């Protein structure tokens, strides 16, 4: 159903009771003022293309499909409606999205290129797929901001964003003189092209594991600790003189992305800085594999000694679903019985 909105201020939907519209609705035209939608259950998508009008969706509105904001004026979209699908912003100019009430649980997809987007109210999840300038209003809250691609300039008050994640080729920065409200977490897509071949084990490493936790205890006094082991993936920048112990972390169901939080190893390039995956014979990704530096050859003495800027460190794997929501966290703890 297409509705051509003209004049000033438009109201769609009955005054009382509720009406079901089977299918999708597109509202377009040169209407000025406010377009209000009330008492409607739209089983399809709602598309809004009103260059000069502000749109309000009341709390008695339900949209089963997607809500598409193509073009609106600077006041944009205010919603307390039930959005079963996502709210997609493709307006390349400027727009403001204010969600409260039922609408707060929605996912907002920012698909516009280079537009100025203001977020207000309370929004659970925002996904950015292009260049954007994003402002979070004072006294507003975004639980989760994910940047899939492009460059995002984020102007947000302290504590206004719960978590920011970005994929490998995306960038997130704050305006000059300001800081981001929270540190950015880098994530990578779990795909088979990050495969690492071969199993690597180091003598003197005791391995224990339970769900969500793996502990490696290194004993440099163990017989055979100085034995030569395979050094995998040195072409990725790992130090060839290091011996690595491999750990496999099984991928949880529904995971599509992973991030790795890693302690600083004295700015040495080691395989601990990389994410690899392993797969079955059919090419299905089964999980992530990681390599921990255990020992290295001392340049002065030629002896094999335990690697350890810290006596203990923790590496954290965080798994995300397709919407970059966290679904599981695994930790690997490396402990040293002694450091030579």
Foldseek 3Di string as FASTA:
>chain_A
DEAEDAEEEAEAADPDAAEEDEEEYEYEYAYAEEYEYARYEYAEEYEYHHQHYAYEYEQNYEYCYEYEDQHYYAAHYEYQYAYNAAYEYAHQEEYEYEYEHNRQAHEYEYAHEAYEYEYAAHHEHYEYEYEYEYEYDPPAAYAEYEYEEYEYAYHYDAPRYNAYEYEDHYYYAYPPPDGDNDDYFYKYWDFQVQAWDDAFAAPQWDWDDDVQEIEIEGECPGPRRQPDIDQTPCVVPADRQFGKHKDWDFDDPQFTMKTKDWDDLPPHDHQQVDWGFHDDPVRHTGTIMTIDTFWGQDPPPRTIWGRCPDQKDKMKMFTAHPSRDTDGIHIYMYHYPDGD
